[in-house]
Amino acid sequence: MQMAQIRKMSPNDFGFAIRLTDTMNWDLTEKDFRFMMRLEPNGCFTVLDGAKRVGIITTAHFGRIGWIGNVIVKTHYRSKGFGALLVKHAIEYLRKKSVSTIGLYAYLDTVSFYEKLGFKADLNFIRLARQSSVAGWRVASVRTMTERDLKDVVAFDEQCMGWNRGRLLKHIFTDSKDLCYVALDDSGLLGFIMGDWYRQEIGPCMSCVGTAKSVISLFKAALSRLSGVEVRTGVSESQQDIVKALRKMGFEEEFKVVRMYLGEVPDEAGCVFAMESLERG
């Protein structure tokens, strides 16, 4: 650790980052890291042992909330302080951005590592996957999201999450407009869902409490566009009705993660049904 140093990630590090994350089968590509650096240009870092790259970390911040995404160190360098050094550096960076609370998703075997750094467990999420083969599901009261909807969607998301992710949601909408849907009734917006064509992921999905039917309709609308590919989503374990419905639709559990926070837990309204991603909340 005497020679350990941390520097800002650059595009020259993408190849190293991809090879490193491939050891854990995270299926990340150059586009993923370019997206993270577009979202947080100065918040992605590489740790070195002398001149040798040994680990990476990515972050994002949304007003008072910061998020830690990919954290990984080469196998030989684990349990030697490099991971803790990366996380502490990320925390320091986010604090300088006036962040008061920092969140992350921890794999079950890393929860104790983050607890030692002050993070506390909040909610469990289940990562589910299915081979999407059904197209043309009939869904009522759901339509494709438009640019005009974005203002209401961002406001709705902030009400659900307790913090503003507008910058992130606008990026997702720009990249995958035809995988974004809203659920409506006579009173207005009931919920929304967004997907990522490139990653073949569905999320986030937010909906008013007690509107499980609209959540399923939103998932069906997005899945209809992803026919013939393997699709993944991360659903709050607390939403058992949705978990059961997705299992009936052919989703199977891949693994579980724990959402953890350092600082005051955001005042969430109970309408989070699917995470955006492991990397960004």
C-alpha atoms as a PDB file:
ATOM      1  CA  MET A   1       0.000   0.000   0.000  1.00  0.00           C
ATOM      2  CA  GLN A   2       3.001   2.343   0.307  1.00  0.00           C
ATOM      3  CA  MET A   3       2.988   2.914  -3.468  1.00  0.00           C
ATOM      4  CA  ALA A   4      -0.813   3.067  -3.816  1.00  0.00           C
ATOM      5  CA  GLN A   5      -2.208   6.097  -5.576  1.00  0.00           C
ATOM      6  CA  ILE A   6      -5.559   7.030  -7.095  1.00  0.00           C
ATOM      7  CA  ARG A   7      -6.072   9.023 -10.256  1.00  0.00           C
ATOM      8  CA  LYS A   8      -9.057  10.002 -12.392  1.00  0.00           C
ATOM      9  CA  MET A   9     -10.085   7.342 -14.890  1.00  0.00           C
ATOM     10  CA  SER A  10      -9.434   8.102 -18.558  1.00  0.00           C
ATOM     11  CA  PRO A  11     -10.562   6.384 -21.784  1.00  0.00           C
ATOM     12  CA  ASN A  12      -7.138   4.684 -21.796  1.00  0.00           C
ATOM     13  CA  ASP A  13      -8.309   2.746 -18.726  1.00  0.00           C
ATOM     14  CA  PHE A  14     -11.421   1.309 -20.368  1.00  0.00           C
ATOM     15  CA  GLY A  15      -9.689  -1.829 -21.660  1.00  0.00           C
ATOM     16  CA  PHE A  16      -8.287  -2.562 -18.198  1.00  0.00           C
ATOM     17  CA  ALA A  17     -11.678  -1.878 -16.580  1.00  0.00           C
ATOM     18  CA  ILE A  18     -13.468  -4.228 -18.993  1.00  0.00           C
ATOM     19  CA  ARG A  19     -10.958  -7.047 -18.478  1.00  0.00           C
ATOM     20  CA  LEU A  20     -11.185  -6.597 -14.715  1.00  0.00           C
ATOM     21  CA  THR A  21     -14.985  -6.600 -14.562  1.00  0.00           C
ATOM     22  CA  ASP A  22     -15.081  -9.577 -16.948  1.00  0.00           C
ATOM     23  CA  THR A  23     -13.474 -11.635 -14.153  1.00  0.00           C
ATOM     24  CA  MET A  24     -16.776 -11.176 -12.279  1.00  0.00           C
ATOM     25  CA  ASN A  25     -18.986 -11.639 -15.380  1.00  0.00           C
ATOM     26  CA  TRP A  26     -20.435  -8.130 -15.119  1.00  0.00           C
ATOM     27  CA  ASP A  27     -20.681  -7.861 -18.925  1.00  0.00           C
ATOM     28  CA  LEU A  28     -19.601  -4.219 -18.982  1.00  0.00           C
ATOM     29  CA  THR A  29     -18.284  -2.676 -22.180  1.00  0.00           C
ATOM     30  CA  GLU A  30     -16.605   0.518 -23.288  1.00  0.00           C
ATOM     31  CA  LYS A  31     -20.031   2.081 -23.822  1.00  0.00           C
ATOM     32  CA  ASP A  32     -20.904   1.504 -20.152  1.00  0.00           C
ATOM     33  CA  PHE A  33     -17.807   3.306 -18.967  1.00  0.00           C
ATOM     34  CA  ARG A  34     -18.291   6.108 -21.475  1.00  0.00           C
ATOM     35  CA  PHE A  35     -21.849   6.531 -20.138  1.00  0.00           C
ATOM     36  CA  MET A  36     -20.570   6.732 -16.555  1.00  0.00           C
ATOM     37  CA  MET A  37     -17.916   9.283 -17.503  1.00  0.00           C
ATOM     38  CA  ARG A  38     -20.493  11.313 -19.419  1.00  0.00           C
ATOM     39  CA  LEU A  39     -22.674  11.293 -16.294  1.00  0.00           C
ATOM     40  CA  GLU A  40     -19.809  11.987 -13.857  1.00  0.00           C
ATOM     41  CA  PRO A  41     -16.673  13.033 -15.797  1.00  0.00           C
ATOM     42  CA  ASN A  42     -14.509  13.603 -12.713  1.00  0.00           C
ATOM     43  CA  GLY A  43     -15.955  10.874 -10.499  1.00  0.00           C
ATOM     44  CA  CYS A  44     -14.517   7.656 -11.956  1.00  0.00           C
ATOM     45  CA  PHE A  45     -11.148   6.529 -10.584  1.00  0.00           C
ATOM     46  CA  THR A  46      -8.353   4.002 -11.021  1.00  0.00           C
ATOM     47  CA  VAL A  47      -6.125   2.813  -8.174  1.00  0.00           C
ATOM     48  CA  LEU A  48      -2.508   1.923  -8.878  1.00  0.00           C
ATOM     49  CA  ASP A  49       0.155  -0.054  -7.070  1.00  0.00           C
ATOM     50  CA  GLY A  50       3.195   1.846  -8.290  1.00  0.00           C
ATOM     51  CA  ALA A  51       2.632   2.045 -12.038  1.00  0.00           C
ATOM     52  CA  LYS A  52       0.346  -1.005 -12.144  1.00  0.00           C
ATOM     53  CA  ARG A  53      -3.431  -0.559 -12.364  1.00  0.00           C
ATOM     54  CA  VAL A  54      -5.157  -2.788  -9.822  1.00  0.00           C
ATOM     55  CA  GLY A  55      -8.735  -1.514  -9.393  1.00  0.00           C
ATOM     56  CA  ILE A  56     -11.474   0.933 -10.356  1.00  0.00           C
ATOM     57  CA  ILE A  57     -14.499   2.717  -8.907  1.00  0.00           C
ATOM     58  CA  THR A  58     -17.303   4.752 -10.492  1.00  0.00           C
ATOM     59  CA  THR A  59     -19.602   7.327  -8.895  1.00  0.00           C
ATOM     60  CA  ALA A  60     -22.467   9.667  -9.720  1.00  0.00           C
ATOM     61  CA  HIS A  61     -24.138  12.457  -7.796  1.00  0.00           C
ATOM     62  CA  PHE A  62     -27.672  13.817  -7.954  1.00  0.00           C
ATOM     63  CA  GLY A  63     -27.943  16.898  -5.783  1.00  0.00           C
ATOM     64  CA  ARG A  64     -27.671  15.859  -2.153  1.00  0.00           C
ATOM     65  CA  ILE A  65     -27.423  12.141  -2.992  1.00  0.00           C
ATOM     66  CA  GLY A  66     -24.283  10.433  -4.246  1.00  0.00           C
ATOM     67  CA  TRP A  67     -23.994   6.924  -5.660  1.00  0.00           C
ATOM     68  CA  ILE A  68     -21.099   4.479  -5.775  1.00  0.00           C
ATOM     69  CA  GLY A  69     -21.285   2.072  -8.691  1.00  0.00           C
ATOM     70  CA  ASN A  70     -18.632  -0.354  -9.896  1.00  0.00           C
ATOM     71  CA  VAL A  71     -16.032  -1.192  -7.258  1.00  0.00           C
ATOM     72  CA  ILE A  72     -13.529  -3.910  -8.115  1.00  0.00           C
ATOM     73  CA  VAL A  73      -9.896  -4.761  -7.365  1.00  0.00           C
ATOM     74  CA  LYS A  74      -7.742  -7.451  -8.975  1.00  0.00           C
ATOM     75  CA  THR A  75      -7.998 -10.720  -7.055  1.00  0.00           C
ATOM     76  CA  HIS A  76      -4.384 -10.719  -5.851  1.00  0.00           C
ATOM     77  CA  TYR A  77      -4.819  -7.232  -4.347  1.00  0.00           C
ATOM     78  CA  ARG A  78      -8.010  -7.882  -2.392  1.00  0.00           C
ATOM     79  CA  SER A  79      -8.009  -7.714   1.417  1.00  0.00           C
ATOM     80  CA  LYS A  80      -4.952  -5.462   1.227  1.00  0.00           C
ATOM     81  CA  GLY A  81      -6.709  -2.111   1.610  1.00  0.00           C
ATOM     82  CA  PHE A  82      -7.025  -1.112  -2.038  1.00  0.00           C
ATOM     83  CA  GLY A  83     -10.819  -1.486  -2.103  1.00  0.00           C
ATOM     84  CA  ALA A  84     -11.262   0.534   1.092  1.00  0.00           C
ATOM     85  CA  LEU A  85      -8.922   3.192  -0.295  1.00  0.00           C
ATOM     86  CA  LEU A  86     -11.057   3.479  -3.441  1.00  0.00           C
ATOM     87  CA  VAL A  87     -14.321   3.752  -1.517  1.00  0.00           C
ATOM     88  CA  LYS A  88     -12.920   6.357   0.888  1.00  0.00           C
ATOM     89  CA  HIS A  89     -11.640   8.367  -2.069  1.00  0.00           C
ATOM     90  CA  ALA A  90     -15.076   8.173  -3.726  1.00  0.00           C
ATOM     91  CA  ILE A  91     -16.754   9.293  -0.500  1.00  0.00           C
ATOM     92  CA  GLU A  92     -14.386  12.254  -0.248  1.00  0.00           C
ATOM     93  CA  TYR A  93     -15.072  13.199  -3.880  1.00  0.00           C
ATOM     94  CA  LEU A  94     -18.849  13.032  -3.380  1.00  0.00           C
ATOM     95  CA  ARG A  95     -18.693  15.007  -0.120  1.00  0.00           C
ATOM     96  CA  LYS A  96     -16.944  17.807  -2.020  1.00  0.00           C
ATOM     97  CA  LYS A  97     -19.981  17.839  -4.300  1.00  0.00           C
ATOM     98  CA  SER A  98     -22.099  18.761  -1.234  1.00  0.00           C
ATOM     99  CA  VAL A  99     -23.570  15.274  -1.067  1.00  0.00           C
ATOM    100  CA  SER A 100     -25.092  14.429   2.319  1.00  0.00           C
ATOM    101  CA  THR A 101     -26.005  10.774   1.703  1.00  0.00           C
ATOM    102  CA  ILE A 102     -24.219   8.133  -0.386  1.00  0.00           C
ATOM    103  CA  GLY A 103     -25.877   4.959  -1.636  1.00  0.00           C
ATOM    104  CA  LEU A 104     -24.766   1.753  -3.303  1.00  0.00           C
ATOM    105  CA  TYR A 105     -25.891  -1.796  -4.059  1.00  0.00           C
ATOM    106  CA  ALA A 106     -23.765  -4.417  -2.307  1.00  0.00           C
ATOM    107  CA  TYR A 107     -23.525  -8.084  -3.226  1.00  0.00           C
ATOM    108  CA  LEU A 108     -24.335 -10.211  -0.191  1.00  0.00           C
ATOM    109  CA  ASP A 109     -20.711 -11.233   0.331  1.00  0.00           C
ATOM    110  CA  THR A 110     -19.556  -7.585   0.408  1.00  0.00           C
ATOM    111  CA  VAL A 111     -22.102  -6.202   2.899  1.00  0.00           C
ATOM    112  CA  SER A 112     -19.722  -6.547   5.864  1.00  0.00           C
ATOM    113  CA  PHE A 113     -16.990  -4.713   3.915  1.00  0.00           C
ATOM    114  CA  TYR A 114     -19.245  -1.687   3.434  1.00  0.00           C
ATOM    115  CA  GLU A 115     -20.555  -1.870   6.998  1.00  0.00           C
ATOM    116  CA  LYS A 116     -16.984  -1.383   8.216  1.00  0.00           C
ATOM    117  CA  LEU A 117     -16.889   1.823   6.163  1.00  0.00           C
ATOM    118  CA  GLY A 118     -20.063   3.123   7.814  1.00  0.00           C
ATOM    119  CA  PHE A 119     -22.763   2.043   5.348  1.00  0.00           C
ATOM    120  CA  LYS A 120     -26.017   0.618   6.698  1.00  0.00           C
ATOM    121  CA  ALA A 121     -28.360  -1.840   4.990  1.00  0.00           C
ATOM    122  CA  ASP A 122     -31.688  -0.492   3.747  1.00  0.00           C
ATOM    123  CA  LEU A 123     -33.594  -2.750   1.313  1.00  0.00           C
ATOM    124  CA  ASN A 124     -32.929  -5.999  -0.527  1.00  0.00           C
ATOM    125  CA  PHE A 125     -33.353  -6.158  -4.298  1.00  0.00           C
ATOM    126  CA  ILE A 126     -33.653  -9.297  -6.433  1.00  0.00           C
ATOM    127  CA  ARG A 127     -31.917  -9.388  -9.791  1.00  0.00           C
ATOM    128  CA  LEU A 128     -34.136 -11.279 -12.247  1.00  0.00           C
ATOM    129  CA  ALA A 129     -33.630 -12.410 -15.841  1.00  0.00           C
ATOM    130  CA  ARG A 130     -35.781 -13.967 -18.558  1.00  0.00           C
ATOM    131  CA  GLN A 131     -35.616 -14.754 -22.244  1.00  0.00           C
ATOM    132  CA  SER A 132     -38.161 -12.314 -23.651  1.00  0.00           C
ATOM    133  CA  SER A 133     -40.147 -14.149 -26.316  1.00  0.00           C
ATOM    134  CA  VAL A 134     -43.606 -12.612 -26.047  1.00  0.00           C
ATOM    135  CA  ALA A 135     -44.396  -9.620 -28.230  1.00  0.00           C
ATOM    136  CA  GLY A 136     -47.580  -7.627 -28.618  1.00  0.00           C
ATOM    137  CA  TRP A 137     -48.971  -7.904 -25.097  1.00  0.00           C
ATOM    138  CA  ARG A 138     -52.136  -5.828 -24.831  1.00  0.00           C
ATOM    139  CA  VAL A 139     -51.663  -3.243 -22.105  1.00  0.00           C
ATOM    140  CA  ALA A 140     -54.316  -0.759 -21.013  1.00  0.00           C
ATOM    141  CA  SER A 141     -53.637   2.832 -19.967  1.00  0.00           C
ATOM    142  CA  VAL A 142     -49.962   2.641 -21.019  1.00  0.00           C
ATOM    143  CA  ARG A 143     -48.328   4.566 -23.839  1.00  0.00           C
ATOM    144  CA  THR A 144     -44.855   5.404 -25.065  1.00  0.00           C
ATOM    145  CA  MET A 145     -43.181   8.196 -23.109  1.00  0.00           C
ATOM    146  CA  THR A 146     -42.651  11.447 -25.004  1.00  0.00           C
ATOM    147  CA  GLU A 147     -40.356  14.383 -24.420  1.00  0.00           C
ATOM    148  CA  ARG A 148     -43.338  16.309 -23.092  1.00  0.00           C
ATOM    149  CA  ASP A 149     -43.752  13.684 -20.359  1.00  0.00           C
ATOM    150  CA  LEU A 150     -40.214  14.095 -19.029  1.00  0.00           C
ATOM    151  CA  LYS A 151     -40.935  16.990 -16.685  1.00  0.00           C
ATOM    152  CA  ASP A 152     -43.754  15.059 -14.984  1.00  0.00           C
ATOM    153  CA  VAL A 153     -41.708  11.843 -14.951  1.00  0.00           C
ATOM    154  CA  VAL A 154     -38.742  13.545 -13.267  1.00  0.00           C
ATOM    155  CA  ALA A 155     -41.019  15.152 -10.670  1.00  0.00           C
ATOM    156  CA  PHE A 156     -42.777  11.827 -10.031  1.00  0.00           C
ATOM    157  CA  ASP A 157     -39.426  10.036  -9.687  1.00  0.00           C
ATOM    158  CA  GLU A 158     -38.201  12.625  -7.185  1.00  0.00           C
ATOM    159  CA  GLN A 159     -41.360  12.177  -5.129  1.00  0.00           C
ATOM    160  CA  CYS A 160     -40.766   8.407  -5.114  1.00  0.00           C
ATOM    161  CA  MET A 161     -37.025   8.443  -4.456  1.00  0.00           C
ATOM    162  CA  GLY A 162     -36.672  11.494  -2.241  1.00  0.00           C
ATOM    163  CA  TRP A 163     -33.969  12.931  -4.540  1.00  0.00           C
ATOM    164  CA  ASN A 164     -33.728  14.267  -8.075  1.00  0.00           C
ATOM    165  CA  ARG A 165     -32.384  11.945 -10.804  1.00  0.00           C
ATOM    166  CA  GLY A 166     -33.475  14.149 -13.693  1.00  0.00           C
ATOM    167  CA  ARG A 167     -30.027  14.290 -15.273  1.00  0.00           C
ATOM    168  CA  LEU A 168     -29.826  10.481 -15.378  1.00  0.00           C
ATOM    169  CA  LEU A 169     -33.403   9.931 -16.588  1.00  0.00           C
ATOM    170  CA  LYS A 170     -32.916  12.373 -19.453  1.00  0.00           C
ATOM    171  CA  HIS A 171     -29.782  10.479 -20.537  1.00  0.00           C
ATOM    172  CA  ILE A 172     -31.695   7.173 -20.514  1.00  0.00           C
ATOM    173  CA  PHE A 173     -34.609   8.661 -22.452  1.00  0.00           C
ATOM    174  CA  THR A 174     -32.252  10.071 -25.077  1.00  0.00           C
ATOM    175  CA  ASP A 175     -30.583   6.680 -25.580  1.00  0.00           C
ATOM    176  CA  SER A 176     -33.688   4.423 -25.470  1.00  0.00           C
ATOM    177  CA  LYS A 177     -36.821   6.473 -26.157  1.00  0.00           C
ATOM    178  CA  ASP A 178     -38.871   3.551 -27.472  1.00  0.00           C
ATOM    179  CA  LEU A 179     -38.302   1.530 -24.282  1.00  0.00           C
ATOM    180  CA  CYS A 180     -39.820   4.210 -22.062  1.00  0.00           C
ATOM    181  CA  TYR A 181     -43.518   4.142 -21.114  1.00  0.00           C
ATOM    182  CA  VAL A 182     -45.964   5.962 -18.866  1.00  0.00           C
ATOM    183  CA  ALA A 183     -49.113   4.650 -17.165  1.00  0.00           C
ATOM    184  CA  LEU A 184     -51.997   7.112 -16.939  1.00  0.00           C
ATOM    185  CA  ASP A 185     -55.533   7.468 -15.718  1.00  0.00           C
ATOM    186  CA  ASP A 186     -57.969  10.390 -15.634  1.00  0.00           C
ATOM    187  CA  SER A 187     -56.055  11.961 -12.733  1.00  0.00           C
ATOM    188  CA  GLY A 188     -52.733  11.922 -14.567  1.00  0.00           C
ATOM    189  CA  LEU A 189     -49.473   9.998 -14.229  1.00  0.00           C
ATOM    190  CA  LEU A 190     -49.700   6.704 -12.296  1.00  0.00           C
ATOM    191  CA  GLY A 191     -46.165   5.534 -13.004  1.00  0.00           C
ATOM    192  CA  PHE A 192     -43.454   5.029 -15.567  1.00  0.00           C
ATOM    193  CA  ILE A 193     -40.849   2.530 -16.724  1.00  0.00           C
ATOM    194  CA  MET A 194     -37.611   3.007 -18.652  1.00  0.00           C
ATOM    195  CA  GLY A 195     -35.360   0.494 -20.363  1.00  0.00           C
ATOM    196  CA  ASP A 196     -31.919   0.339 -21.880  1.00  0.00           C
ATOM    197  CA  TRP A 197     -31.627  -1.145 -25.373  1.00  0.00           C
ATOM    198  CA  TYR A 198     -27.886  -1.549 -25.117  1.00  0.00           C
ATOM    199  CA  ARG A 199     -27.841  -3.365 -21.770  1.00  0.00           C
ATOM    200  CA  GLN A 200     -31.209  -5.059 -22.395  1.00  0.00           C
ATOM    201  CA  GLU A 201     -32.310  -4.000 -18.928  1.00  0.00           C
ATOM    202  CA  ILE A 202     -35.620  -2.732 -17.600  1.00  0.00           C
ATOM    203  CA  GLY A 203     -35.618  -0.068 -14.905  1.00  0.00           C
ATOM    204  CA  PRO A 204     -36.307   2.196 -13.222  1.00  0.00           C
ATOM    205  CA  CYS A 205     -39.988   1.499 -12.674  1.00  0.00           C
ATOM    206  CA  MET A 206     -41.943   3.792 -10.350  1.00  0.00           C
ATOM    207  CA  SER A 207     -45.658   3.669  -9.631  1.00  0.00           C
ATOM    208  CA  CYS A 208     -48.167   4.989  -7.119  1.00  0.00           C
ATOM    209  CA  VAL A 209     -48.597   2.767  -4.076  1.00  0.00           C
ATOM    210  CA  GLY A 210     -51.362   0.228  -4.624  1.00  0.00           C
ATOM    211  CA  THR A 211     -51.154   0.252  -8.424  1.00  0.00           C
ATOM    212  CA  ALA A 212     -49.597  -3.176  -9.003  1.00  0.00           C
ATOM    213  CA  LYS A 213     -51.738  -3.643 -12.105  1.00  0.00           C
ATOM    214  CA  SER A 214     -50.164  -0.617 -13.794  1.00  0.00           C
ATOM    215  CA  VAL A 215     -46.677  -1.869 -12.855  1.00  0.00           C
ATOM    216  CA  ILE A 216     -47.291  -5.174 -14.620  1.00  0.00           C
ATOM    217  CA  SER A 217     -48.709  -3.323 -17.626  1.00  0.00           C
ATOM    218  CA  LEU A 218     -45.578  -1.171 -17.776  1.00  0.00           C
ATOM    219  CA  PHE A 219     -43.322  -4.241 -17.633  1.00  0.00           C
ATOM    220  CA  LYS A 220     -45.324  -5.959 -20.369  1.00  0.00           C
ATOM    221  CA  ALA A 221     -45.077  -2.902 -22.608  1.00  0.00           C
ATOM    222  CA  ALA A 222     -41.278  -2.778 -22.243  1.00  0.00           C
ATOM    223  CA  LEU A 223     -40.896  -6.544 -22.653  1.00  0.00           C
ATOM    224  CA  SER A 224     -42.928  -6.468 -25.852  1.00  0.00           C
ATOM    225  CA  ARG A 225     -40.219  -4.261 -27.370  1.00  0.00           C
ATOM    226  CA  LEU A 226     -37.448  -6.627 -26.239  1.00  0.00           C
ATOM    227  CA  SER A 227     -38.751  -9.807 -27.815  1.00  0.00           C
ATOM    228  CA  GLY A 228     -36.131 -12.485 -28.463  1.00  0.00           C
ATOM    229  CA  VAL A 229     -33.404 -11.237 -26.111  1.00  0.00           C
ATOM    230  CA  GLU A 230     -32.427 -11.965 -22.518  1.00  0.00           C
ATOM    231  CA  VAL A 231     -33.761  -9.204 -20.289  1.00  0.00           C
ATOM    232  CA  ARG A 232     -32.760  -8.266 -16.742  1.00  0.00           C
ATOM    233  CA  THR A 233     -34.345  -6.172 -14.022  1.00  0.00           C
ATOM    234  CA  GLY A 234     -33.800  -5.508 -10.338  1.00  0.00           C
ATOM    235  CA  VAL A 235     -36.941  -5.505  -8.192  1.00  0.00           C
ATOM    236  CA  SER A 236     -37.402  -4.534  -4.569  1.00  0.00           C
ATOM    237  CA  GLU A 237     -37.864  -7.689  -2.485  1.00  0.00           C
ATOM    238  CA  SER A 238     -40.470  -5.783  -0.466  1.00  0.00           C
ATOM    239  CA  GLN A 239     -42.753  -5.722  -3.533  1.00  0.00           C
ATOM    240  CA  GLN A 240     -43.716  -9.396  -3.332  1.00  0.00           C
ATOM    241  CA  ASP A 241     -46.777  -9.099  -5.582  1.00  0.00           C
ATOM    242  CA  ILE A 242     -44.584  -7.770  -8.389  1.00  0.00           C
ATOM    243  CA  VAL A 243     -41.879 -10.380  -7.783  1.00  0.00           C
ATOM    244  CA  LYS A 244     -44.482 -13.162  -8.008  1.00  0.00           C
ATOM    245  CA  ALA A 245     -46.005 -11.676 -11.163  1.00  0.00           C
ATOM    246  CA  LEU A 246     -42.605 -11.430 -12.854  1.00  0.00           C
ATOM    247  CA  ARG A 247     -41.824 -15.038 -11.953  1.00  0.00           C
ATOM    248  CA  LYS A 248     -45.090 -16.058 -13.622  1.00  0.00           C
ATOM    249  CA  MET A 249     -43.930 -14.129 -16.682  1.00  0.00           C
ATOM    250  CA  GLY A 250     -40.797 -16.289 -16.839  1.00  0.00           C
ATOM    251  CA  PHE A 251     -38.282 -14.295 -14.821  1.00  0.00           C
ATOM    252  CA  GLU A 252     -35.837 -16.249 -12.663  1.00  0.00           C
ATOM    253  CA  GLU A 253     -33.655 -15.008  -9.835  1.00  0.00           C
ATOM    254  CA  GLU A 254     -29.960 -14.471 -10.620  1.00  0.00           C
ATOM    255  CA  PHE A 255     -28.803 -13.003  -7.309  1.00  0.00           C
ATOM    256  CA  LYS A 256     -29.704 -10.546  -4.557  1.00  0.00           C
ATOM    257  CA  VAL A 257     -28.134  -7.234  -3.597  1.00  0.00           C
ATOM    258  CA  VAL A 258     -28.566  -4.983  -0.588  1.00  0.00           C
ATOM    259  CA  ARG A 259     -29.154  -1.269  -0.996  1.00  0.00           C
ATOM    260  CA  MET A 260     -27.000   0.508   1.569  1.00  0.00           C
ATOM    261  CA  TYR A 261     -26.635   4.127   2.603  1.00  0.00           C
ATOM    262  CA  LEU A 262     -23.977   6.200   4.299  1.00  0.00           C
ATOM    263  CA  GLY A 263     -25.789   9.094   5.960  1.00  0.00           C
ATOM    264  CA  GLU A 264     -29.464   9.821   6.363  1.00  0.00           C
ATOM    265  CA  VAL A 265     -31.692   7.429   4.421  1.00  0.00           C
ATOM    266  CA  PRO A 266     -33.791   9.313   1.822  1.00  0.00           C
ATOM    267  CA  ASP A 267     -37.491   9.579   2.606  1.00  0.00           C
ATOM    268  CA  GLU A 268     -38.751   7.165  -0.026  1.00  0.00           C
ATOM    269  CA  ALA A 269     -42.484   7.063  -0.748  1.00  0.00           C
ATOM    270  CA  GLY A 270     -42.759   3.272  -1.170  1.00  0.00           C
ATOM    271  CA  CYS A 271     -43.325   3.401  -4.928  1.00  0.00           C
ATOM    272  CA  VAL A 272     -39.955   2.062  -6.139  1.00  0.00           C
ATOM    273  CA  PHE A 273     -40.602  -1.195  -7.990  1.00  0.00           C
ATOM    274  CA  ALA A 274     -37.422  -1.613 -10.064  1.00  0.00           C
ATOM    275  CA  MET A 275     -33.951  -0.101  -9.717  1.00  0.00           C
ATOM    276  CA  GLU A 276     -32.361   1.896 -12.504  1.00  0.00           C
ATOM    277  CA  SER A 277     -29.132  -0.139 -12.420  1.00  0.00           C
ATOM    278  CA  LEU A 278     -26.591  -1.510  -9.988  1.00  0.00           C
ATOM    279  CA  GLU A 279     -24.221   1.285 -11.009  1.00  0.00           C
ATOM    280  CA  ARG A 280     -26.471   4.326 -10.647  1.00  0.00           C
ATOM    281  CA  GLY A 281     -29.327   3.518  -8.279  1.00  0.00           C
END
